[in-house]
């Protein structure tokens, strides 16, 4: 050694780059947060819970709630759908199990469910939903093409879009940024 004392750099924390980029809308983050919770409890798609009324119909959705879907180890088909059913309605629901299996599998698009397990209990209170926005009727010049759409949410969105297009004044104007 030539007599120089080696100095080690002081223990400084490295500067972290920005952690998330620009601000994002909360609505963009919620599916990610909810998706993790639903996967933890066995739901591969949270829409099974949110669209349960569309899957089984309002009569059966009023007396049942899906709790989880359990698949055999390493597979994502032939699972068991676990339902919470209000008290005395379980025998009635038992009669329509084949129809529930068929409807849920149609919703998934593949044979995801092979069995349904029911548990009697009190259903959680449903939060009050805001009334759906009233939509003006679709102008007659757009035709009856929207009536053939089976999904009510999609039909409502397309109707609102068609009504907006019908009331607009000419083509949209896109402003160029000044450079």
Protein backbone atom coordinates (compact mmCIF):
# COMPACT_ATOMS: atom_id res chain seq x y z
CA UNK A 1 0.00 0.00 0.00
CA UNK A 2 1.24 3.45 -0.79
CA UNK A 3 -0.03 5.04 2.41
CA UNK A 4 -3.35 6.26 1.02
CA UNK A 5 -6.29 5.63 3.26
CA UNK A 6 -9.26 4.22 1.41
CA UNK A 7 -12.47 5.92 2.25
CA UNK A 8 -15.74 4.11 1.91
CA UNK A 9 -18.68 6.20 0.80
CA UNK A 10 -20.99 7.25 3.59
CA UNK A 11 -24.16 5.16 4.08
CA UNK A 12 -26.60 7.16 2.02
CA UNK A 13 -29.94 5.89 0.84
CA UNK A 14 -30.27 5.89 -2.92
CA UNK A 15 -32.80 8.31 -4.31
CA UNK A 16 -35.91 6.44 -5.36
CA UNK A 17 -37.44 7.31 -8.69
CA UNK A 18 -41.08 8.39 -8.79
CA UNK A 19 -43.25 5.61 -7.41
CA UNK A 20 -46.36 5.71 -9.54
CA UNK A 21 -46.08 8.18 -12.33
CA UNK A 22 -48.93 10.58 -12.92
CA UNK A 23 -52.04 10.55 -10.77
CA UNK A 24 -54.64 7.98 -11.76
CA UNK A 25 -58.38 7.97 -11.26
CA UNK A 26 -59.59 5.90 -8.34
CA UNK A 27 -61.99 4.04 -10.64
CA UNK A 28 -58.97 2.74 -12.58
CA UNK A 29 -57.42 1.31 -9.41
CA UNK A 30 -60.48 -0.35 -7.85
CA UNK A 31 -60.69 -3.39 -10.17
CA UNK A 32 -57.07 -4.22 -9.28
CA UNK A 33 -57.73 -3.92 -5.55
CA UNK A 34 -61.02 -5.82 -5.69
CA UNK A 35 -59.56 -8.42 -8.05
CA UNK A 36 -56.93 -9.42 -5.49
CA UNK A 37 -59.57 -9.83 -2.79
CA UNK A 38 -61.85 -11.85 -5.07
CA UNK A 39 -58.97 -14.15 -6.14
CA UNK A 40 -58.13 -14.72 -2.46
CA UNK A 41 -61.64 -15.98 -1.81
CA UNK A 42 -61.86 -18.14 -4.92
CA UNK A 43 -63.44 -15.90 -7.53
CA UNK A 44 -61.63 -15.85 -10.82
CA UNK A 45 -63.95 -13.15 -12.07
CA UNK A 46 -65.49 -10.59 -9.79
CA UNK A 47 -68.25 -10.10 -12.33
CA UNK A 48 -69.83 -13.38 -11.16
CA UNK A 49 -70.69 -11.57 -7.93
CA UNK A 50 -71.65 -8.24 -9.49
CA UNK A 51 -73.74 -9.84 -12.25
CA UNK A 52 -75.27 -12.69 -10.22
CA UNK A 53 -78.77 -11.34 -10.86
CA UNK A 54 -78.21 -11.52 -14.62
CA UNK A 55 -76.78 -15.03 -14.41
CA UNK A 56 -79.52 -16.70 -12.36
CA UNK A 57 -82.33 -14.18 -12.70
CA UNK A 58 -83.76 -11.74 -10.16
CA UNK A 59 -85.94 -14.34 -8.39
CA UNK A 60 -83.02 -16.57 -7.41
CA UNK A 61 -80.55 -13.72 -6.93
CA UNK A 62 -82.85 -12.32 -4.25
CA UNK A 63 -82.37 -15.47 -2.13
CA UNK A 64 -78.78 -16.49 -2.93
CA UNK A 65 -75.28 -15.04 -3.11
CA UNK A 66 -72.15 -16.70 -4.54
CA UNK A 67 -69.45 -17.11 -1.90
CA UNK A 68 -66.59 -18.76 -3.77
CA UNK A 69 -65.54 -21.07 -6.56
CA UNK A 70 -63.12 -23.83 -5.67
CA UNK A 71 -61.28 -25.64 -8.46
CA UNK A 72 -59.39 -28.93 -8.27
CA UNK A 73 -55.66 -28.38 -7.69
CA UNK A 74 -53.93 -27.08 -10.82
CA UNK A 75 -57.13 -26.71 -12.87
CA UNK A 76 -59.56 -23.93 -13.72
CA UNK A 77 -62.51 -26.11 -14.72
CA UNK A 78 -64.95 -28.54 -13.11
CA UNK A 79 -64.98 -26.47 -9.93
CA UNK A 80 -67.50 -26.21 -7.12
CA UNK A 81 -69.58 -23.05 -6.77
CA UNK A 82 -70.36 -22.31 -3.11
CA UNK A 83 -73.61 -20.42 -2.53
CA UNK A 84 -75.11 -18.80 0.53
CA UNK A 85 -78.87 -19.35 0.37
CA UNK A 86 -81.52 -17.74 2.55
CA UNK A 87 -83.02 -20.27 4.99
CA UNK A 88 -85.99 -22.17 3.57
CA UNK A 89 -85.10 -21.39 -0.06
CA UNK A 90 -82.36 -24.05 -0.16
CA UNK A 91 -84.72 -26.89 -1.23
CA UNK A 92 -86.09 -24.72 -4.03
CA UNK A 93 -82.56 -23.85 -5.16
CA UNK A 94 -81.57 -27.53 -5.03
CA UNK A 95 -84.10 -28.23 -7.79
CA UNK A 96 -82.48 -25.75 -10.17
CA UNK A 97 -78.81 -26.70 -9.58
CA UNK A 98 -78.42 -28.09 -13.14
CA UNK A 99 -79.74 -24.81 -14.55
CA UNK A 100 -77.42 -22.76 -12.30
CA UNK A 101 -74.44 -24.84 -13.48
CA UNK A 102 -75.47 -24.36 -17.12
CA UNK A 103 -75.94 -20.59 -16.73
CA UNK A 104 -72.66 -20.03 -14.88
CA UNK A 105 -70.78 -22.11 -17.46
CA UNK A 106 -72.42 -20.11 -20.24
CA UNK A 107 -71.31 -16.93 -18.46
CA UNK A 108 -67.69 -18.18 -18.28
CA UNK A 109 -67.76 -19.63 -21.78
CA UNK A 110 -66.33 -23.01 -20.73
CA UNK A 111 -67.26 -25.78 -18.22
CA UNK A 112 -65.95 -23.97 -15.16
CA UNK A 113 -68.52 -25.37 -12.71
CA UNK A 114 -69.38 -29.04 -12.18
CA UNK A 115 -71.03 -28.89 -8.73
CA UNK A 116 -72.88 -26.45 -6.52
CA UNK A 117 -72.60 -26.53 -2.73
CA UNK A 118 -75.16 -24.58 -0.71
CA UNK A 119 -75.02 -23.23 2.80
CA UNK A 120 -78.11 -21.87 4.54
CA UNK A 121 -77.73 -18.50 6.20
CA UNK A 122 -78.77 -14.88 6.22
CA UNK A 123 -77.73 -12.89 3.17
CA UNK A 124 -75.69 -9.70 3.65
CA UNK A 125 -77.65 -6.49 3.28
CA UNK A 126 -77.39 -5.06 -0.21
CA UNK A 127 -76.40 -1.40 -0.45
CA UNK A 128 -79.01 0.88 -1.96
CA UNK A 129 -78.26 1.40 -5.62
CA UNK A 130 -78.70 4.73 -7.31
CA UNK A 131 -81.47 4.67 -9.90
CA UNK A 132 -80.30 4.15 -13.46
CA UNK A 133 -80.07 7.35 -15.45
CA UNK A 134 -83.10 7.92 -17.62
CA UNK A 135 -82.20 7.65 -21.25
CA UNK A 136 -84.06 9.38 -24.03
CA UNK A 137 -85.44 7.04 -26.66
CA UNK A 138 -83.12 6.28 -29.51
CA UNK A 139 -83.94 8.33 -32.62
CA UNK A 140 -85.95 6.36 -35.15
CA UNK A 141 -83.42 7.06 -37.91
CA UNK A 142 -80.95 4.77 -36.11
CA UNK A 143 -83.31 1.84 -36.64
CA UNK A 144 -84.18 -1.08 -34.40
CA UNK A 145 -80.66 -2.54 -34.35
CA UNK A 146 -80.18 -1.88 -30.62
CA UNK A 147 -83.24 -3.96 -29.66
CA UNK A 148 -81.48 -7.13 -30.79
CA UNK A 149 -78.69 -6.67 -28.18
CA UNK A 150 -79.35 -9.04 -25.27
CA UNK A 151 -77.04 -7.48 -22.66
CA UNK A 152 -79.02 -4.67 -20.95
CA UNK A 153 -75.90 -2.75 -19.85
CA UNK A 154 -74.40 -2.78 -23.33
CA UNK A 155 -77.73 -1.80 -24.87
CA UNK A 156 -78.06 1.16 -22.43
CA UNK A 157 -74.52 2.36 -23.16
CA UNK A 158 -74.99 2.10 -26.92
CA UNK A 159 -78.36 3.87 -26.67
CA UNK A 160 -76.75 6.73 -24.75
CA UNK A 161 -73.97 6.90 -27.33
CA UNK A 162 -76.49 6.94 -30.19
CA UNK A 163 -78.51 9.67 -28.47
CA UNK A 164 -75.34 11.74 -27.99
CA UNK A 165 -74.37 11.33 -31.62
CA UNK A 166 -77.88 12.27 -32.75
CA UNK A 167 -77.87 15.51 -30.73
CA UNK A 168 -74.32 16.57 -31.68
CA UNK A 169 -73.78 19.45 -34.07
CA UNK A 170 -71.58 18.24 -36.92
CA UNK A 171 -68.27 16.42 -36.75
CA UNK A 172 -66.14 16.70 -33.60
CA UNK A 173 -63.38 19.30 -33.68
CA UNK A 174 -59.91 18.24 -32.57
CA UNK A 175 -57.68 21.12 -31.60
CA UNK A 176 -53.97 20.86 -32.32
CA UNK A 177 -51.50 21.78 -29.62
CA UNK A 178 -49.35 24.79 -30.25
CA UNK A 179 -45.75 23.71 -30.64
